[in-house]
Amino acid sequence: MERKKNKQPKLHLKKGDKVRVIAGNSRGKEGDVLEVIIEKNRVVVEGVNMIKKHLKPSANNPQGSIQEIEGSIHISNLMVIDPASGEPRRSGKKRDENGKLQRYFKEHTSHKKA
């Protein structure tokens, strides 16, 4: 019997990461990742992409209201902030001595021609 592979993609972001938005209306804003939606490749970031949600009147809230909440943003528009340097960096994955996947941050290289 053939083993089925895990179809869940490995993303460069995870819950709790500090990220900076590099594209879109919220460009330049920073925040923590609150939720990762793997099926849609989207992330909810604290204080970024705020949307207004209209709530119907209920027993708790007889008036109804308009609430501002964070909307999701595509992961391609985000970059992880390296905790050591405090700057956004590209990240990669490699295996450690125990065979576990570890995330590392790539060094910044300038592409100036001599």
N, C-alpha and C. Protein backbone atom coordinates (compact mmCIF):
# COMPACT_ATOMS: atom_id res chain seq x y z
N MET A 1 0.84 -1.19 0.00
CA MET A 1 0.00 0.00 0.00
C MET A 1 0.89 1.25 0.00
N GLU A 2 0.58 2.14 -0.90
CA GLU A 2 1.40 3.35 -1.05
C GLU A 2 1.00 4.39 -0.01
N ARG A 3 2.01 5.05 0.54
CA ARG A 3 1.76 6.09 1.54
C ARG A 3 1.34 7.37 0.87
N LYS A 4 0.35 8.02 1.45
CA LYS A 4 -0.08 9.31 0.92
C LYS A 4 0.78 10.40 1.53
N LYS A 5 1.19 11.33 0.70
CA LYS A 5 2.03 12.43 1.18
C LYS A 5 1.15 13.52 1.77
N ASN A 6 1.73 14.27 2.68
CA ASN A 6 1.03 15.38 3.27
C ASN A 6 0.85 16.46 2.21
N LYS A 7 -0.38 16.81 1.92
CA LYS A 7 -0.67 17.78 0.87
C LYS A 7 -0.62 19.22 1.40
N GLN A 8 -0.42 19.38 2.70
CA GLN A 8 -0.38 20.71 3.28
C GLN A 8 0.94 21.39 2.93
N PRO A 9 0.87 22.57 2.30
CA PRO A 9 2.13 23.22 1.93
C PRO A 9 2.85 23.78 3.14
N LYS A 10 4.16 23.84 3.07
CA LYS A 10 4.97 24.43 4.13
C LYS A 10 5.13 25.91 3.80
N LEU A 11 4.59 26.76 4.65
CA LEU A 11 4.62 28.20 4.42
C LEU A 11 5.79 28.84 5.16
N HIS A 12 6.19 30.03 4.72
CA HIS A 12 7.30 30.72 5.37
C HIS A 12 6.84 31.53 6.58
N LEU A 13 5.53 31.49 6.87
CA LEU A 13 4.99 32.22 8.01
C LEU A 13 4.33 31.25 8.98
N LYS A 14 4.32 31.62 10.26
CA LYS A 14 3.56 30.85 11.24
C LYS A 14 2.98 31.80 12.28
N LYS A 15 2.04 31.31 13.04
CA LYS A 15 1.35 32.12 14.04
C LYS A 15 2.35 32.66 15.05
N GLY A 16 2.25 33.96 15.34
CA GLY A 16 3.15 34.58 16.31
C GLY A 16 4.33 35.31 15.69
N ASP A 17 4.59 35.10 14.39
CA ASP A 17 5.69 35.79 13.71
C ASP A 17 5.41 37.28 13.61
N LYS A 18 6.46 38.08 13.67
CA LYS A 18 6.34 39.52 13.42
C LYS A 18 6.63 39.71 11.93
N VAL A 19 5.71 40.39 11.23
CA VAL A 19 5.84 40.55 9.78
C VAL A 19 5.68 42.00 9.37
N ARG A 20 6.18 42.33 8.17
CA ARG A 20 6.00 43.64 7.56
C ARG A 20 5.30 43.44 6.22
N VAL A 21 4.34 44.32 5.92
CA VAL A 21 3.61 44.26 4.65
C VAL A 21 4.48 44.94 3.60
N ILE A 22 4.73 44.24 2.47
CA ILE A 22 5.60 44.79 1.43
C ILE A 22 4.82 45.21 0.19
N ALA A 23 3.50 44.93 0.14
CA ALA A 23 2.70 45.32 -1.01
C ALA A 23 1.25 45.50 -0.58
N GLY A 24 0.54 46.38 -1.30
CA GLY A 24 -0.87 46.59 -1.03
C GLY A 24 -1.13 47.89 -0.29
N ASN A 25 -2.39 48.10 0.11
CA ASN A 25 -2.79 49.34 0.77
C ASN A 25 -2.12 49.54 2.12
N SER A 26 -1.79 48.46 2.80
CA SER A 26 -1.20 48.54 4.14
C SER A 26 0.33 48.46 4.09
N ARG A 27 0.93 48.79 2.96
CA ARG A 27 2.37 48.66 2.78
C ARG A 27 3.15 49.43 3.85
N GLY A 28 4.16 48.76 4.43
CA GLY A 28 5.00 49.39 5.44
C GLY A 28 4.55 49.12 6.86
N LYS A 29 3.32 48.64 7.07
CA LYS A 29 2.83 48.36 8.42
C LYS A 29 3.42 47.06 8.93
N GLU A 30 3.56 46.98 10.25
CA GLU A 30 4.08 45.77 10.89
C GLU A 30 3.08 45.26 11.90
N GLY A 31 3.11 43.96 12.15
CA GLY A 31 2.22 43.37 13.15
C GLY A 31 2.53 41.90 13.33
N ASP A 32 1.85 41.30 14.31
CA ASP A 32 2.03 39.89 14.60
C ASP A 32 0.98 39.07 13.85
N VAL A 33 1.36 37.86 13.44
CA VAL A 33 0.44 36.97 12.75
C VAL A 33 -0.51 36.38 13.79
N LEU A 34 -1.83 36.59 13.57
CA LEU A 34 -2.84 36.07 14.48
C LEU A 34 -3.36 34.71 14.03
N GLU A 35 -3.45 34.51 12.71
CA GLU A 35 -4.03 33.29 12.17
C GLU A 35 -3.47 33.03 10.78
N VAL A 36 -3.23 31.75 10.47
CA VAL A 36 -2.77 31.36 9.14
C VAL A 36 -3.85 30.50 8.49
N ILE A 37 -4.31 30.89 7.31
CA ILE A 37 -5.34 30.15 6.58
C ILE A 37 -4.62 29.42 5.44
N ILE A 38 -4.24 28.17 5.69
CA ILE A 38 -3.38 27.42 4.77
C ILE A 38 -4.07 27.16 3.44
N GLU A 39 -5.38 26.84 3.46
CA GLU A 39 -6.10 26.48 2.24
C GLU A 39 -6.09 27.61 1.21
N LYS A 40 -6.11 28.86 1.70
CA LYS A 40 -6.18 30.02 0.80
C LYS A 40 -4.87 30.78 0.70
N ASN A 41 -3.81 30.32 1.38
CA ASN A 41 -2.50 31.01 1.40
C ASN A 41 -2.65 32.44 1.89
N ARG A 42 -3.45 32.63 2.94
CA ARG A 42 -3.69 33.95 3.48
C ARG A 42 -3.39 33.96 4.98
N VAL A 43 -3.17 35.18 5.50
CA VAL A 43 -2.80 35.35 6.90
C VAL A 43 -3.56 36.54 7.46
N VAL A 44 -3.95 36.46 8.74
CA VAL A 44 -4.55 37.60 9.43
C VAL A 44 -3.46 38.21 10.30
N VAL A 45 -3.19 39.51 10.08
CA VAL A 45 -2.13 40.21 10.80
C VAL A 45 -2.75 41.29 11.67
N GLU A 46 -2.25 41.40 12.90
CA GLU A 46 -2.78 42.36 13.87
C GLU A 46 -2.62 43.79 13.37
N GLY A 47 -3.74 44.53 13.27
CA GLY A 47 -3.72 45.94 12.90
C GLY A 47 -3.52 46.22 11.42
N VAL A 48 -3.59 45.21 10.57
CA VAL A 48 -3.37 45.38 9.13
C VAL A 48 -4.62 44.97 8.37
N ASN A 49 -4.95 45.71 7.29
CA ASN A 49 -6.09 45.41 6.43
C ASN A 49 -7.39 45.39 7.23
N MET A 50 -7.65 46.48 7.95
CA MET A 50 -8.85 46.57 8.78
C MET A 50 -10.09 46.70 7.90
N ILE A 51 -11.13 45.90 8.23
CA ILE A 51 -12.39 45.95 7.50
C ILE A 51 -13.52 46.18 8.50
N LYS A 52 -14.63 46.72 7.99
CA LYS A 52 -15.80 46.96 8.84
C LYS A 52 -16.79 45.82 8.65
N LYS A 53 -17.21 45.22 9.78
CA LYS A 53 -18.18 44.13 9.76
C LYS A 53 -19.47 44.61 10.40
N HIS A 54 -20.57 44.49 9.67
CA HIS A 54 -21.88 44.93 10.17
C HIS A 54 -22.52 43.77 10.93
N LEU A 55 -22.84 44.00 12.22
CA LEU A 55 -23.44 42.97 13.06
C LEU A 55 -24.94 43.21 13.18
N LYS A 56 -25.73 42.15 13.03
CA LYS A 56 -27.18 42.25 13.14
C LYS A 56 -27.58 42.44 14.61
N PRO A 57 -28.70 43.05 14.85
CA PRO A 57 -29.18 43.16 16.22
C PRO A 57 -29.44 41.77 16.82
N SER A 58 -29.09 41.61 18.10
CA SER A 58 -29.29 40.33 18.79
C SER A 58 -29.71 40.63 20.23
N ALA A 59 -29.90 39.59 21.02
CA ALA A 59 -30.29 39.78 22.43
C ALA A 59 -29.20 40.52 23.19
N ASN A 60 -27.94 40.18 22.93
CA ASN A 60 -26.81 40.84 23.60
C ASN A 60 -26.61 42.26 23.08
N ASN A 61 -26.87 42.45 21.79
CA ASN A 61 -26.61 43.72 21.14
C ASN A 61 -27.88 44.17 20.40
N PRO A 62 -28.88 44.72 21.14
CA PRO A 62 -30.17 45.01 20.51
C PRO A 62 -30.11 46.09 19.42
N GLN A 63 -29.11 46.94 19.47
CA GLN A 63 -28.97 48.03 18.52
C GLN A 63 -28.32 47.55 17.21
N GLY A 64 -27.47 46.50 17.30
CA GLY A 64 -26.64 46.14 16.17
C GLY A 64 -25.44 47.08 16.16
N SER A 65 -24.40 46.77 15.41
CA SER A 65 -23.24 47.66 15.41
C SER A 65 -22.37 47.39 14.19
N ILE A 66 -21.38 48.25 14.05
CA ILE A 66 -20.36 48.08 13.01
C ILE A 66 -19.05 47.90 13.74
N GLN A 67 -18.41 46.76 13.52
CA GLN A 67 -17.19 46.41 14.23
C GLN A 67 -16.02 46.41 13.24
N GLU A 68 -14.87 46.94 13.66
CA GLU A 68 -13.68 46.91 12.81
C GLU A 68 -12.82 45.72 13.21
N ILE A 69 -12.55 44.84 12.23
CA ILE A 69 -11.72 43.67 12.49
C ILE A 69 -10.65 43.56 11.42
N GLU A 70 -9.64 42.72 11.68
CA GLU A 70 -8.57 42.51 10.70
C GLU A 70 -9.05 41.57 9.60
N GLY A 71 -8.79 41.95 8.36
CA GLY A 71 -9.07 41.08 7.22
C GLY A 71 -7.82 40.29 6.88
N SER A 72 -7.98 39.26 6.06
CA SER A 72 -6.82 38.45 5.69
C SER A 72 -6.04 39.13 4.57
N ILE A 73 -4.76 38.76 4.46
CA ILE A 73 -3.88 39.31 3.43
C ILE A 73 -3.06 38.14 2.87
N HIS A 74 -2.78 38.17 1.58
CA HIS A 74 -2.05 37.06 0.94
C HIS A 74 -0.61 37.01 1.45
N ILE A 75 -0.08 35.78 1.62
CA ILE A 75 1.25 35.62 2.20
C ILE A 75 2.36 36.20 1.32
N SER A 76 2.10 36.33 0.01
CA SER A 76 3.13 36.88 -0.87
C SER A 76 3.36 38.36 -0.60
N ASN A 77 2.44 39.02 0.10
CA ASN A 77 2.56 40.45 0.40
C ASN A 77 3.22 40.70 1.75
N LEU A 78 3.73 39.65 2.39
CA LEU A 78 4.32 39.77 3.72
C LEU A 78 5.75 39.27 3.73
N MET A 79 6.55 39.82 4.65
CA MET A 79 7.92 39.39 4.83
C MET A 79 8.19 39.27 6.33
N VAL A 80 8.82 38.16 6.73
CA VAL A 80 9.09 37.91 8.14
C VAL A 80 10.21 38.83 8.61
N ILE A 81 10.06 39.37 9.82
CA ILE A 81 11.10 40.22 10.41
C ILE A 81 12.03 39.34 11.23
N ASP A 82 13.32 39.43 10.93
CA ASP A 82 14.35 38.67 11.64
C ASP A 82 14.45 39.19 13.07
N PRO A 83 14.24 38.33 14.09
CA PRO A 83 14.30 38.81 15.47
C PRO A 83 15.68 39.35 15.86
N ALA A 84 16.75 38.85 15.26
CA ALA A 84 18.10 39.28 15.62
C ALA A 84 18.39 40.70 15.13
N SER A 85 18.03 41.00 13.87
CA SER A 85 18.38 42.30 13.31
C SER A 85 17.22 43.29 13.34
N GLY A 86 15.97 42.79 13.42
CA GLY A 86 14.82 43.68 13.42
C GLY A 86 14.42 44.15 12.03
N GLU A 87 15.04 43.60 10.99
CA GLU A 87 14.75 43.95 9.61
C GLU A 87 14.06 42.79 8.91
N PRO A 88 13.20 43.07 7.90
CA PRO A 88 12.60 41.96 7.15
C PRO A 88 13.66 41.22 6.34
N ARG A 89 13.62 39.92 6.38
CA ARG A 89 14.60 39.09 5.68
C ARG A 89 13.90 37.92 5.01
N ARG A 90 14.51 37.42 3.97
CA ARG A 90 14.05 36.19 3.34
C ARG A 90 14.42 35.03 4.24
N SER A 91 13.59 34.01 4.26
CA SER A 91 13.87 32.87 5.13
C SER A 91 13.92 31.60 4.30
N GLY A 92 14.60 30.60 4.84
CA GLY A 92 14.69 29.29 4.22
C GLY A 92 14.59 28.23 5.29
N LYS A 93 14.59 26.96 4.86
CA LYS A 93 14.51 25.86 5.81
C LYS A 93 15.63 24.89 5.51
N LYS A 94 16.24 24.39 6.58
CA LYS A 94 17.24 23.33 6.43
C LYS A 94 17.15 22.40 7.63
N ARG A 95 17.66 21.20 7.46
CA ARG A 95 17.58 20.19 8.53
C ARG A 95 18.75 20.36 9.49
N ASP A 96 18.46 20.18 10.80
CA ASP A 96 19.52 20.24 11.81
C ASP A 96 20.07 18.83 12.04
N GLU A 97 20.91 18.68 13.08
CA GLU A 97 21.55 17.39 13.35
C GLU A 97 20.54 16.29 13.65
N ASN A 98 19.41 16.65 14.25
CA ASN A 98 18.40 15.67 14.62
C ASN A 98 17.43 15.34 13.49
N GLY A 99 17.58 16.01 12.35
CA GLY A 99 16.71 15.75 11.21
C GLY A 99 15.46 16.61 11.18
N LYS A 100 15.32 17.53 12.14
CA LYS A 100 14.15 18.41 12.16
C LYS A 100 14.38 19.61 11.24
N LEU A 101 13.30 20.09 10.61
CA LEU A 101 13.40 21.27 9.77
C LEU A 101 13.50 22.51 10.64
N GLN A 102 14.49 23.34 10.39
CA GLN A 102 14.69 24.59 11.12
C GLN A 102 14.64 25.75 10.14
N ARG A 103 14.04 26.85 10.56
CA ARG A 103 14.00 28.05 9.71
C ARG A 103 15.24 28.88 9.99
N TYR A 104 15.82 29.43 8.93
CA TYR A 104 16.95 30.34 9.08
C TYR A 104 16.71 31.54 8.19
N PHE A 105 17.36 32.66 8.53
CA PHE A 105 17.20 33.88 7.77
C PHE A 105 18.42 34.07 6.89
N LYS A 106 18.17 34.36 5.62
CA LYS A 106 19.25 34.50 4.64
C LYS A 106 19.93 35.85 4.82
N GLU A 107 21.23 35.88 4.55
CA GLU A 107 21.99 37.11 4.66
C GLU A 107 21.63 38.06 3.55
N HIS A 108 21.65 39.34 3.84
CA HIS A 108 21.34 40.36 2.85
C HIS A 108 22.57 40.61 2.00
N THR A 109 22.42 40.49 0.68
CA THR A 109 23.53 40.77 -0.22
C THR A 109 23.10 41.84 -1.20
N SER A 110 23.95 42.79 -1.44
CA SER A 110 23.61 43.84 -2.41
C SER A 110 24.01 43.35 -3.80
N HIS A 111 23.30 43.79 -4.79
CA HIS A 111 23.54 43.37 -6.16
C HIS A 111 24.18 44.50 -6.98
N LYS A 112 25.14 45.16 -6.40
CA LYS A 112 25.82 46.25 -7.11
C LYS A 112 26.84 45.64 -8.08
N LYS A 113 26.90 46.24 -9.27
CA LYS A 113 27.87 45.77 -10.26
C LYS A 113 29.16 46.57 -10.11
N ALA A 114 30.26 45.88 -10.23
CA ALA A 114 31.57 46.54 -10.06
C ALA A 114 32.00 47.23 -11.32
